[in-house]
Amino acid sequence: MWILGSFCCLGFCNFGLAQEKVFQGEEKIILKETTDFLKNNLKEALEIWKGVHQKIFKWWKENILPKIQGWFEKKKPEIKREFEKEKKEMKEEIRKSFSKFWEWVKDLIK
């Protein structure tokens, strides 16, 4: 029953009519009316939601994405240098670790 009260408070159905029908024992009718109302309005709400999100996506694609791409293009050489520097450091670290491992293996063999 609280669900029907919630729908009524939100304006989904007429509260007075809901009270009358519940007291008359016609809960099924109220439930059908409420579900029909929700089905019709849910479809409309989803269409509105879709339209709004398409507009947001279009705005983002036309306005924000080019700014991000421009920023990235400006930073690309710097990012590439940083990447190469880290790559070189990692290779050197791997060589040192491998060298230590190889020395350890040699000591085991002796």
PDB file of N, CA and C in Angstrom:
ATOM      1  N   MET A   1       0.823  -1.186   0.000  1.00  0.00           N
ATOM      2  CA  MET A   1       0.000   0.000   0.000  1.00  0.00           C
ATOM      3  C   MET A   1       0.865   1.246   0.000  1.00  0.00           C
ATOM      4  N   TRP A   2       2.023   1.197   0.666  1.00  0.00           N
ATOM      5  CA  TRP A   2       2.896   2.374   0.714  1.00  0.00           C
ATOM      6  C   TRP A   2       3.404   2.744  -0.662  1.00  0.00           C
ATOM      7  N   ILE A   3       3.516   1.739  -1.566  1.00  0.00           N
ATOM      8  CA  ILE A   3       3.958   2.021  -2.932  1.00  0.00           C
ATOM      9  C   ILE A   3       2.935   2.902  -3.625  1.00  0.00           C
ATOM     10  N   LEU A   4       1.663   2.557  -3.465  1.00  0.00           N
ATOM     11  CA  LEU A   4       0.617   3.369  -4.085  1.00  0.00           C
ATOM     12  C   LEU A   4       0.625   4.774  -3.516  1.00  0.00           C
ATOM     13  N   GLY A   5       0.843   4.881  -2.209  1.00  0.00           N
ATOM     14  CA  GLY A   5       0.926   6.204  -1.591  1.00  0.00           C
ATOM     15  C   GLY A   5       2.088   6.995  -2.156  1.00  0.00           C
ATOM     16  N   SER A   6       3.213   6.312  -2.400  1.00  0.00           N
ATOM     17  CA  SER A   6       4.379   6.981  -2.979  1.00  0.00           C
ATOM     18  C   SER A   6       4.082   7.472  -4.380  1.00  0.00           C
ATOM     19  N   PHE A   7       3.430   6.623  -5.184  1.00  0.00           N
ATOM     20  CA  PHE A   7       3.078   7.043  -6.536  1.00  0.00           C
ATOM     21  C   PHE A   7       2.127   8.228  -6.497  1.00  0.00           C
ATOM     22  N   CYS A   8       1.188   8.180  -5.565  1.00  0.00           N
ATOM     23  CA  CYS A   8       0.210   9.255  -5.470  1.00  0.00           C
ATOM     24  C   CYS A   8       0.880  10.550  -5.046  1.00  0.00           C
ATOM     25  N   CYS A   9       1.811  10.467  -4.096  1.00  0.00           N
ATOM     26  CA  CYS A   9       2.506  11.665  -3.643  1.00  0.00           C
ATOM     27  C   CYS A   9       3.334  12.266  -4.765  1.00  0.00           C
ATOM     28  N   LEU A  10       3.844  11.448  -5.626  1.00  0.00           N
ATOM     29  CA  LEU A  10       4.650  11.938  -6.739  1.00  0.00           C
ATOM     30  C   LEU A  10       3.793  12.386  -7.910  1.00  0.00           C
ATOM     31  N   GLY A  11       2.497  12.279  -7.788  1.00  0.00           N
ATOM     32  CA  GLY A  11       1.608  12.737  -8.843  1.00  0.00           C
ATOM     33  C   GLY A  11       1.366  11.706  -9.909  1.00  0.00           C
ATOM     34  N   PHE A  12       1.662  10.443  -9.634  1.00  0.00           N
ATOM     35  CA  PHE A  12       1.458   9.417 -10.641  1.00  0.00           C
ATOM     36  C   PHE A  12      -0.004   9.008 -10.763  1.00  0.00           C
ATOM     37  N   CYS A  13      -0.786   9.232  -9.731  1.00  0.00           N
ATOM     38  CA  CYS A  13      -2.212   8.920  -9.819  1.00  0.00           C
ATOM     39  C   CYS A  13      -2.971   9.798  -8.834  1.00  0.00           C
ATOM     40  N   ASN A  14      -4.257   9.823  -8.951  1.00  0.00           N
ATOM     41  CA  ASN A  14      -5.103  10.640  -8.099  1.00  0.00           C
ATOM     42  C   ASN A  14      -5.241   9.952  -6.748  1.00  0.00           C
ATOM     43  N   PHE A  15      -4.807  10.617  -5.673  1.00  0.00           N
ATOM     44  CA  PHE A  15      -4.812  10.001  -4.348  1.00  0.00           C
ATOM     45  C   PHE A  15      -6.224   9.696  -3.873  1.00  0.00           C
ATOM     46  N   GLY A  16      -7.137  10.626  -4.096  1.00  0.00           N
ATOM     47  CA  GLY A  16      -8.527  10.411  -3.677  1.00  0.00           C
ATOM     48  C   GLY A  16      -9.126   9.208  -4.368  1.00  0.00           C
ATOM     49  N   LEU A  17      -8.891   9.107  -5.669  1.00  0.00           N
ATOM     50  CA  LEU A  17      -9.400   7.975  -6.440  1.00  0.00           C
ATOM     51  C   LEU A  17      -8.763   6.679  -5.944  1.00  0.00           C
ATOM     52  N   ALA A  18      -7.483   6.740  -5.624  1.00  0.00           N
ATOM     53  CA  ALA A  18      -6.795   5.551  -5.119  1.00  0.00           C
ATOM     54  C   ALA A  18      -7.404   5.109  -3.799  1.00  0.00           C
ATOM     55  N   GLN A  19      -7.690   6.055  -2.915  1.00  0.00           N
ATOM     56  CA  GLN A  19      -8.303   5.721  -1.630  1.00  0.00           C
ATOM     57  C   GLN A  19      -9.654   5.053  -1.827  1.00  0.00           C
ATOM     58  N   GLU A  20     -10.476   5.635  -2.702  1.00  0.00           N
ATOM     59  CA  GLU A  20     -11.806   5.068  -2.955  1.00  0.00           C
ATOM     60  C   GLU A  20     -11.691   3.635  -3.457  1.00  0.00           C
ATOM     61  N   LYS A  21     -10.842   3.440  -4.439  1.00  0.00           N
ATOM     62  CA  LYS A  21     -10.746   2.118  -5.060  1.00  0.00           C
ATOM     63  C   LYS A  21     -10.180   1.086  -4.098  1.00  0.00           C
ATOM     64  N   VAL A  22      -9.233   1.477  -3.246  1.00  0.00           N
ATOM     65  CA  VAL A  22      -8.685   0.534  -2.277  1.00  0.00           C
ATOM     66  C   VAL A  22      -9.774   0.123  -1.302  1.00  0.00           C
ATOM     67  N   PHE A  23     -10.524   1.101  -0.856  1.00  0.00           N
ATOM     68  CA  PHE A  23     -11.596   0.776   0.077  1.00  0.00           C
ATOM     69  C   PHE A  23     -12.676  -0.073  -0.575  1.00  0.00           C
ATOM     70  N   GLN A  24     -12.822   0.022  -1.871  1.00  0.00           N
ATOM     71  CA  GLN A  24     -13.805  -0.797  -2.575  1.00  0.00           C
ATOM     72  C   GLN A  24     -13.222  -2.169  -2.927  1.00  0.00           C
ATOM     73  N   GLY A  25     -11.949  -2.379  -2.591  1.00  0.00           N
ATOM     74  CA  GLY A  25     -11.330  -3.671  -2.864  1.00  0.00           C
ATOM     75  C   GLY A  25     -10.902  -3.820  -4.306  1.00  0.00           C
ATOM     76  N   GLU A  26     -10.598  -2.729  -4.962  1.00  0.00           N
ATOM     77  CA  GLU A  26     -10.222  -2.783  -6.378  1.00  0.00           C
ATOM     78  C   GLU A  26      -8.729  -2.495  -6.563  1.00  0.00           C
ATOM     79  N   GLU A  27      -7.894  -3.151  -5.762  1.00  0.00           N
ATOM     80  CA  GLU A  27      -6.453  -2.913  -5.846  1.00  0.00           C
ATOM     81  C   GLU A  27      -5.888  -3.250  -7.221  1.00  0.00           C
ATOM     82  N   LYS A  28      -6.452  -4.276  -7.855  1.00  0.00           N
ATOM     83  CA  LYS A  28      -5.954  -4.682  -9.169  1.00  0.00           C
ATOM     84  C   LYS A  28      -6.133  -3.572 -10.193  1.00  0.00           C
ATOM     85  N   ILE A  29      -7.246  -2.866 -10.117  1.00  0.00           N
ATOM     86  CA  ILE A  29      -7.497  -1.771 -11.061  1.00  0.00           C
ATOM     87  C   ILE A  29      -6.479  -0.659 -10.843  1.00  0.00           C
ATOM     88  N   ILE A  30      -6.228  -0.321  -9.596  1.00  0.00           N
ATOM     89  CA  ILE A  30      -5.257   0.734  -9.299  1.00  0.00           C
ATOM     90  C   ILE A  30      -3.874   0.321  -9.790  1.00  0.00           C
ATOM     91  N   LEU A  31      -3.526  -0.916  -9.536  1.00  0.00           N
ATOM     92  CA  LEU A  31      -2.222  -1.415  -9.962  1.00  0.00           C
ATOM     93  C   LEU A  31      -2.087  -1.365 -11.474  1.00  0.00           C
ATOM     94  N   LYS A  32      -3.141  -1.757 -12.193  1.00  0.00           N
ATOM     95  CA  LYS A  32      -3.118  -1.721 -13.651  1.00  0.00           C
ATOM     96  C   LYS A  32      -2.996  -0.288 -14.150  1.00  0.00           C
ATOM     97  N   GLU A  33      -3.785   0.624 -13.558  1.00  0.00           N
ATOM     98  CA  GLU A  33      -3.711   2.030 -13.964  1.00  0.00           C
ATOM     99  C   GLU A  33      -2.315   2.587 -13.711  1.00  0.00           C
ATOM    100  N   THR A  34      -1.760   2.255 -12.569  1.00  0.00           N
ATOM    101  CA  THR A  34      -0.425   2.753 -12.222  1.00  0.00           C
ATOM    102  C   THR A  34       0.629   2.191 -13.164  1.00  0.00           C
ATOM    103  N   THR A  35       0.574   0.897 -13.445  1.00  0.00           N
ATOM    104  CA  THR A  35       1.570   0.307 -14.346  1.00  0.00           C
ATOM    105  C   THR A  35       1.410   0.833 -15.764  1.00  0.00           C
ATOM    106  N   ASP A  36       0.175   1.027 -16.219  1.00  0.00           N
ATOM    107  CA  ASP A  36      -0.035   1.610 -17.548  1.00  0.00           C
ATOM    108  C   ASP A  36       0.545   3.014 -17.611  1.00  0.00           C
ATOM    109  N   PHE A  37       0.275   3.803 -16.554  1.00  0.00           N
ATOM    110  CA  PHE A  37       0.793   5.169 -16.500  1.00  0.00           C
ATOM    111  C   PHE A  37       2.322   5.155 -16.547  1.00  0.00           C
ATOM    112  N   LEU A  38       2.928   4.271 -15.754  1.00  0.00           N
ATOM    113  CA  LEU A  38       4.390   4.196 -15.721  1.00  0.00           C
ATOM    114  C   LEU A  38       4.965   3.741 -17.055  1.00  0.00           C
ATOM    115  N   LYS A  39       4.320   2.763 -17.691  1.00  0.00           N
ATOM    116  CA  LYS A  39       4.806   2.290 -18.991  1.00  0.00           C
ATOM    117  C   LYS A  39       4.812   3.422 -20.000  1.00  0.00           C
ATOM    118  N   ASN A  40       3.714   4.155 -20.085  1.00  0.00           N
ATOM    119  CA  ASN A  40       3.613   5.250 -21.057  1.00  0.00           C
ATOM    120  C   ASN A  40       4.604   6.361 -20.738  1.00  0.00           C
ATOM    121  N   ASN A  41       4.681   6.748 -19.482  1.00  0.00           N
ATOM    122  CA  ASN A  41       5.561   7.848 -19.112  1.00  0.00           C
ATOM    123  C   ASN A  41       7.019   7.429 -19.059  1.00  0.00           C
ATOM    124  N   LEU A  42       7.271   6.163 -18.766  1.00  0.00           N
ATOM    125  CA  LEU A  42       8.647   5.686 -18.755  1.00  0.00           C
ATOM    126  C   LEU A  42       9.238   5.733 -20.159  1.00  0.00           C
ATOM    127  N   LYS A  43       8.444   5.336 -21.136  1.00  0.00           N
ATOM    128  CA  LYS A  43       8.906   5.389 -22.522  1.00  0.00           C
ATOM    129  C   LYS A  43       9.240   6.833 -22.902  1.00  0.00           C
ATOM    130  N   GLU A  44       8.359   7.754 -22.530  1.00  0.00           N
ATOM    131  CA  GLU A  44       8.586   9.170 -22.833  1.00  0.00           C
ATOM    132  C   GLU A  44       9.813   9.689 -22.077  1.00  0.00           C
ATOM    133  N   ALA A  45       9.942   9.290 -20.810  1.00  0.00           N
ATOM    134  CA  ALA A  45      11.090   9.727 -20.011  1.00  0.00           C
ATOM    135  C   ALA A  45      12.397   9.202 -20.598  1.00  0.00           C
ATOM    136  N   LEU A  46      12.394   7.957 -21.063  1.00  0.00           N
ATOM    137  CA  LEU A  46      13.607   7.398 -21.669  1.00  0.00           C
ATOM    138  C   LEU A  46      13.957   8.102 -22.973  1.00  0.00           C
ATOM    139  N   GLU A  47      12.950   8.492 -23.741  1.00  0.00           N
ATOM    140  CA  GLU A  47      13.212   9.236 -24.973  1.00  0.00           C
ATOM    141  C   GLU A  47      13.816  10.597 -24.655  1.00  0.00           C
ATOM    142  N   ILE A  48      13.291  11.263 -23.627  1.00  0.00           N
ATOM    143  CA  ILE A  48      13.844  12.559 -23.211  1.00  0.00           C
ATOM    144  C   ILE A  48      15.275  12.368 -22.721  1.00  0.00           C
ATOM    145  N   TRP A  49      15.482  11.347 -21.896  1.00  0.00           N
ATOM    146  CA  TRP A  49      16.815  11.060 -21.363  1.00  0.00           C
ATOM    147  C   TRP A  49      17.803  10.823 -22.494  1.00  0.00           C
ATOM    148  N   LYS A  50      17.375  10.045 -23.488  1.00  0.00           N
ATOM    149  CA  LYS A  50      18.232   9.750 -24.637  1.00  0.00           C
ATOM    150  C   LYS A  50      18.579  11.034 -25.384  1.00  0.00           C
ATOM    151  N   GLY A  51      17.580  11.888 -25.604  1.00  0.00           N
ATOM    152  CA  GLY A  51      17.816  13.151 -26.307  1.00  0.00           C
ATOM    153  C   GLY A  51      18.787  14.046 -25.558  1.00  0.00           C
ATOM    154  N   VAL A  52      18.604  14.147 -24.250  1.00  0.00           N
ATOM    155  CA  VAL A  52      19.486  14.989 -23.438  1.00  0.00           C
ATOM    156  C   VAL A  52      20.913  14.458 -23.489  1.00  0.00           C
ATOM    157  N   HIS A  53      21.078  13.163 -23.341  1.00  0.00           N
ATOM    158  CA  HIS A  53      22.423  12.594 -23.349  1.00  0.00           C
ATOM    159  C   HIS A  53      23.072  12.667 -24.730  1.00  0.00           C
ATOM    160  N   GLN A  54      22.275  12.595 -25.778  1.00  0.00           N
ATOM    161  CA  GLN A  54      22.837  12.775 -27.117  1.00  0.00           C
ATOM    162  C   GLN A  54      23.342  14.200 -27.286  1.00  0.00           C
ATOM    163  N   LYS A  55      22.594  15.173 -26.747  1.00  0.00           N
ATOM    164  CA  LYS A  55      23.041  16.572 -26.824  1.00  0.00           C
ATOM    165  C   LYS A  55      24.315  16.775 -26.017  1.00  0.00           C
ATOM    166  N   ILE A  56      24.365  16.172 -24.833  1.00  0.00           N
ATOM    167  CA  ILE A  56      25.578  16.278 -24.008  1.00  0.00           C
ATOM    168  C   ILE A  56      26.769  15.656 -24.729  1.00  0.00           C
ATOM    169  N   PHE A  57      26.582  14.481 -25.313  1.00  0.00           N
ATOM    170  CA  PHE A  57      27.662  13.811 -26.035  1.00  0.00           C
ATOM    171  C   PHE A  57      28.121  14.649 -27.225  1.00  0.00           C
ATOM    172  N   LYS A  58      27.161  15.204 -27.964  1.00  0.00           N
ATOM    173  CA  LYS A  58      27.499  16.035 -29.123  1.00  0.00           C
ATOM    174  C   LYS A  58      28.295  17.258 -28.669  1.00  0.00           C
ATOM    175  N   TRP A  59      27.847  17.912 -27.597  1.00  0.00           N
ATOM    176  CA  TRP A  59      28.548  19.086 -27.076  1.00  0.00           C
ATOM    177  C   TRP A  59      29.956  18.693 -26.648  1.00  0.00           C
ATOM    178  N   TRP A  60      30.089  17.570 -25.942  1.00  0.00           N
ATOM    179  CA  TRP A  60      31.398  17.115 -25.486  1.00  0.00           C
ATOM    180  C   TRP A  60      32.303  16.832 -26.675  1.00  0.00           C
ATOM    181  N   LYS A  61      31.743  16.153 -27.684  1.00  0.00           N
ATOM    182  CA  LYS A  61      32.526  15.782 -28.863  1.00  0.00           C
ATOM    183  C   LYS A  61      32.974  17.011 -29.645  1.00  0.00           C
ATOM    184  N   GLU A  62      32.106  18.025 -29.745  1.00  0.00           N
ATOM    185  CA  GLU A  62      32.429  19.209 -30.540  1.00  0.00           C
ATOM    186  C   GLU A  62      33.252  20.234 -29.779  1.00  0.00           C
ATOM    187  N   ASN A  63      33.088  20.323 -28.454  1.00  0.00           N
ATOM    188  CA  ASN A  63      33.750  21.384 -27.695  1.00  0.00           C
ATOM    189  C   ASN A  63      34.891  20.907 -26.808  1.00  0.00           C
ATOM    190  N   ILE A  64      34.668  19.853 -26.062  1.00  0.00           N
ATOM    191  CA  ILE A  64      35.656  19.420 -25.076  1.00  0.00           C
ATOM    192  C   ILE A  64      36.735  18.529 -25.689  1.00  0.00           C
ATOM    193  N   LEU A  65      36.331  17.568 -26.488  1.00  0.00           N
ATOM    194  CA  LEU A  65      37.287  16.632 -27.081  1.00  0.00           C
ATOM    195  C   LEU A  65      38.377  17.338 -27.896  1.00  0.00           C
ATOM    196  N   PRO A  66      38.041  18.328 -28.744  1.00  0.00           N
ATOM    197  CA  PRO A  66      39.114  19.023 -29.472  1.00  0.00           C
ATOM    198  C   PRO A  66      40.119  19.715 -28.539  1.00  0.00           C
ATOM    199  N   LYS A  67      39.634  20.245 -27.411  1.00  0.00           N
ATOM    200  CA  LYS A  67      40.546  20.882 -26.455  1.00  0.00           C
ATOM    201  C   LYS A  67      41.486  19.847 -25.844  1.00  0.00           C
ATOM    202  N   ILE A  68      40.938  18.690 -25.515  1.00  0.00           N
ATOM    203  CA  ILE A  68      41.765  17.617 -24.946  1.00  0.00           C
ATOM    204  C   ILE A  68      42.785  17.145 -25.975  1.00  0.00           C
ATOM    205  N   GLN A  69      42.331  16.976 -27.215  1.00  0.00           N
ATOM    206  CA  GLN A  69      43.244  16.536 -28.270  1.00  0.00           C
ATOM    207  C   GLN A  69      44.325  17.578 -28.525  1.00  0.00           C
ATOM    208  N   GLY A  70      43.949  18.864 -28.501  1.00  0.00           N
ATOM    209  CA  GLY A  70      44.931  19.935 -28.679  1.00  0.00           C
ATOM    210  C   GLY A  70      45.963  19.937 -27.567  1.00  0.00           C
ATOM    211  N   TRP A  71      45.494  19.780 -26.332  1.00  0.00           N
ATOM    212  CA  TRP A  71      46.407  19.731 -25.197  1.00  0.00           C
ATOM    213  C   TRP A  71      47.351  18.545 -25.335  1.00  0.00           C
ATOM    214  N   PHE A  72      46.790  17.400 -25.724  1.00  0.00           N
ATOM    215  CA  PHE A  72      47.608  16.197 -25.864  1.00  0.00           C
ATOM    216  C   PHE A  72      48.654  16.378 -26.955  1.00  0.00           C
ATOM    217  N   GLU A  73      48.268  16.996 -28.076  1.00  0.00           N
ATOM    218  CA  GLU A  73      49.223  17.218 -29.170  1.00  0.00           C
ATOM    219  C   GLU A  73      50.366  18.122 -28.714  1.00  0.00           C
ATOM    220  N   LYS A  74      50.052  19.135 -27.895  1.00  0.00           N
ATOM    221  CA  LYS A  74      51.101  20.020 -27.382  1.00  0.00           C
ATOM    222  C   LYS A  74      52.031  19.269 -26.430  1.00  0.00           C
ATOM    223  N   LYS A  75      51.467  18.387 -25.625  1.00  0.00           N
ATOM    224  CA  LYS A  75      52.244  17.662 -24.622  1.00  0.00           C
ATOM    225  C   LYS A  75      52.886  16.389 -25.164  1.00  0.00           C
ATOM    226  N   LYS A  76      52.514  16.000 -26.374  1.00  0.00           N
ATOM    227  CA  LYS A  76      52.976  14.726 -26.925  1.00  0.00           C
ATOM    228  C   LYS A  76      54.501  14.592 -26.932  1.00  0.00           C
ATOM    229  N   PRO A  77      55.265  15.588 -27.419  1.00  0.00           N
ATOM    230  CA  PRO A  77      56.734  15.439 -27.394  1.00  0.00           C
ATOM    231  C   PRO A  77      57.276  15.272 -25.967  1.00  0.00           C
ATOM    232  N   GLU A  78      56.709  16.032 -25.044  1.00  0.00           N
ATOM    233  CA  GLU A  78      57.145  15.940 -23.651  1.00  0.00           C
ATOM    234  C   GLU A  78      56.812  14.564 -23.069  1.00  0.00           C
ATOM    235  N   ILE A  79      55.613  14.086 -23.362  1.00  0.00           N
ATOM    236  CA  ILE A  79      55.194  12.763 -22.886  1.00  0.00           C
ATOM    237  C   ILE A  79      56.077  11.681 -23.497  1.00  0.00           C
ATOM    238  N   LYS A  80      56.379  11.837 -24.790  1.00  0.00           N
ATOM    239  CA  LYS A  80      57.216  10.855 -25.479  1.00  0.00           C
ATOM    240  C   LYS A  80      58.619  10.824 -24.879  1.00  0.00           C
ATOM    241  N   ARG A  81      59.189  12.013 -24.589  1.00  0.00           N
ATOM    242  CA  ARG A  81      60.522  12.071 -23.966  1.00  0.00           C
ATOM    243  C   ARG A  81      60.505  11.394 -22.593  1.00  0.00           C
ATOM    244  N   GLU A  82      59.466  11.684 -21.832  1.00  0.00           N
ATOM    245  CA  GLU A  82      59.347  11.087 -20.500  1.00  0.00           C
ATOM    246  C   GLU A  82      59.224   9.564 -20.597  1.00  0.00           C
ATOM    247  N   PHE A  83      58.426   9.113 -21.566  1.00  0.00           N
ATOM    248  CA  PHE A  83      58.252   7.677 -21.776  1.00  0.00           C
ATOM    249  C   PHE A  83      59.578   7.022 -22.149  1.00  0.00           C
ATOM    250  N   GLU A  84      60.306   7.625 -23.076  1.00  0.00           N
ATOM    251  CA  GLU A  84      61.600   7.075 -23.495  1.00  0.00           C
ATOM    252  C   GLU A  84      62.589   7.049 -22.330  1.00  0.00           C
ATOM    253  N   LYS A  85      62.561   8.096 -21.513  1.00  0.00           N
ATOM    254  CA  LYS A  85      63.446   8.159 -20.348  1.00  0.00           C
ATOM    255  C   LYS A  85      63.129   7.012 -19.384  1.00  0.00           C
ATOM    256  N   GLU A  86      61.841   6.815 -19.095  1.00  0.00           N
ATOM    257  CA  GLU A  86      61.445   5.731 -18.190  1.00  0.00           C
ATOM    258  C   GLU A  86      61.770   4.365 -18.790  1.00  0.00           C
ATOM    259  N   LYS A  87      61.580   4.243 -20.098  1.00  0.00           N
ATOM    260  CA  LYS A  87      61.891   2.984 -20.781  1.00  0.00           C
ATOM    261  C   LYS A  87      63.386   2.668 -20.649  1.00  0.00           C
ATOM    262  N   LYS A  88      64.205   3.680 -20.849  1.00  0.00           N
ATOM    263  CA  LYS A  88      65.654   3.507 -20.744  1.00  0.00           C
ATOM    264  C   LYS A  88      66.050   3.127 -19.314  1.00  0.00           C
ATOM    265  N   GLU A  89      65.454   3.798 -18.330  1.00  0.00           N
ATOM    266  CA  GLU A  89      65.746   3.488 -16.930  1.00  0.00           C
ATOM    267  C   GLU A  89      65.327   2.059 -16.583  1.00  0.00           C
ATOM    268  N   MET A  90      64.178   1.642 -17.088  1.00  0.00           N
ATOM    269  CA  MET A  90      63.712   0.278 -16.822  1.00  0.00           C
ATOM    270  C   MET A  90      64.641  -0.750 -17.449  1.00  0.00           C
ATOM    271  N   LYS A  91      65.104  -0.486 -18.675  1.00  0.00           N
ATOM    272  CA  LYS A  91      66.036  -1.414 -19.321  1.00  0.00           C
ATOM    273  C   LYS A  91      67.313  -1.537 -18.503  1.00  0.00           C
ATOM    274  N   GLU A  92      67.812  -0.404 -18.032  1.00  0.00           N
ATOM    275  CA  GLU A  92      69.035  -0.410 -17.231  1.00  0.00           C
ATOM    276  C   GLU A  92      68.818  -1.176 -15.924  1.00  0.00           C
ATOM    277  N   GLU A  93      67.672  -0.976 -15.321  1.00  0.00           N
ATOM    278  CA  GLU A  93      67.350  -1.679 -14.081  1.00  0.00           C
ATOM    279  C   GLU A  93      67.253  -3.188 -14.323  1.00  0.00           C
ATOM    280  N   ILE A  94      66.663  -3.574 -15.441  1.00  0.00           N
ATOM    281  CA  ILE A  94      66.562  -4.996 -15.792  1.00  0.00           C
ATOM    282  C   ILE A  94      67.949  -5.582 -16.017  1.00  0.00           C
ATOM    283  N   ARG A  95      68.814  -4.837 -16.714  1.00  0.00           N
ATOM    284  CA  ARG A  95      70.187  -5.316 -16.942  1.00  0.00           C
ATOM    285  C   ARG A  95      70.918  -5.536 -15.621  1.00  0.00           C
ATOM    286  N   LYS A  96      70.776  -4.562 -14.714  1.00  0.00           N
ATOM    287  CA  LYS A  96      71.438  -4.692 -13.410  1.00  0.00           C
ATOM    288  C   LYS A  96      70.901  -5.895 -12.644  1.00  0.00           C
ATOM    289  N   SER A  97      69.582  -6.046 -12.664  1.00  0.00           N
ATOM    290  CA  SER A  97      68.971  -7.179 -11.951  1.00  0.00           C
ATOM    291  C   SER A  97      69.404  -8.499 -12.570  1.00  0.00           C
ATOM    292  N   PHE A  98      69.433  -8.553 -13.893  1.00  0.00           N
ATOM    293  CA  PHE A  98      69.850  -9.769 -14.572  1.00  0.00           C
ATOM    294  C   PHE A  98      71.317 -10.068 -14.269  1.00  0.00           C
ATOM    295  N   SER A  99      72.124  -9.020 -14.254  1.00  0.00           N
ATOM    296  CA  SER A  99      73.546  -9.195 -13.957  1.00  0.00           C
ATOM    297  C   SER A  99      73.727  -9.748 -12.541  1.00  0.00           C
ATOM    298  N   LYS A 100      72.976  -9.194 -11.594  1.00  0.00           N
ATOM    299  CA  LYS A 100      73.053  -9.695 -10.214  1.00  0.00           C
ATOM    300  C   LYS A 100      72.594 -11.147 -10.149  1.00  0.00           C
ATOM    301  N   PHE A 101      71.537 -11.453 -10.872  1.00  0.00           N
ATOM    302  CA  PHE A 101      71.030 -12.826 -10.898  1.00  0.00           C
ATOM    303  C   PHE A 101      72.078 -13.758 -11.487  1.00  0.00           C
ATOM    304  N   TRP A 102      72.709 -13.333 -12.579  1.00  0.00           N
ATOM    305  CA  TRP A 102      73.719 -14.156 -13.234  1.00  0.00           C
ATOM    306  C   TRP A 102      74.912 -14.387 -12.307  1.00  0.00           C
ATOM    307  N   GLU A 103      75.319 -13.362 -11.584  1.00  0.00           N
ATOM    308  CA  GLU A 103      76.415 -13.507 -10.618  1.00  0.00           C
ATOM    309  C   GLU A 103      76.021 -14.501  -9.524  1.00  0.00           C
ATOM    310  N   TRP A 104      74.776 -14.430  -9.086  1.00  0.00           N
ATOM    311  CA  TRP A 104      74.281 -15.342  -8.057  1.00  0.00           C
ATOM    312  C   TRP A 104      74.307 -16.784  -8.569  1.00  0.00           C
ATOM    313  N   VAL A 105      73.892 -16.986  -9.833  1.00  0.00           N
ATOM    314  CA  VAL A 105      73.912 -18.326 -10.433  1.00  0.00           C
ATOM    315  C   VAL A 105      75.353 -18.827 -10.543  1.00  0.00           C
ATOM    316  N   LYS A 106      76.265 -17.962 -10.976  1.00  0.00           N
ATOM    317  CA  LYS A 106      77.680 -18.354 -11.077  1.00  0.00           C
ATOM    318  C   LYS A 106      78.223 -18.787  -9.719  1.00  0.00           C
ATOM    319  N   ASP A 107      77.870 -18.034  -8.669  1.00  0.00           N
ATOM    320  CA  ASP A 107      78.330 -18.386  -7.322  1.00  0.00           C
ATOM    321  C   ASP A 107      77.764 -19.727  -6.876  1.00  0.00           C
ATOM    322  N   LEU A 108      76.550 -20.038  -7.280  1.00  0.00           N
ATOM    323  CA  LEU A 108      75.946 -21.327  -6.927  1.00  0.00           C
ATOM    324  C   LEU A 108      76.663 -22.480  -7.607  1.00  0.00           C
ATOM    325  N   ILE A 109      77.068 -22.257  -8.837  1.00  0.00           N
ATOM    326  CA  ILE A 109      77.718 -23.309  -9.614  1.00  0.00           C
ATOM    327  C   ILE A 109      79.105 -23.611  -9.057  1.00  0.00           C
ATOM    328  N   LYS A 110      79.815 -22.624  -8.581  1.00  0.00           N
ATOM    329  CA  LYS A 110      81.196 -22.815  -8.083  1.00  0.00           C
ATOM    330  C   LYS A 110      81.267 -23.705  -6.927  1.00  0.00           C
TER     331      LYS A 110
END
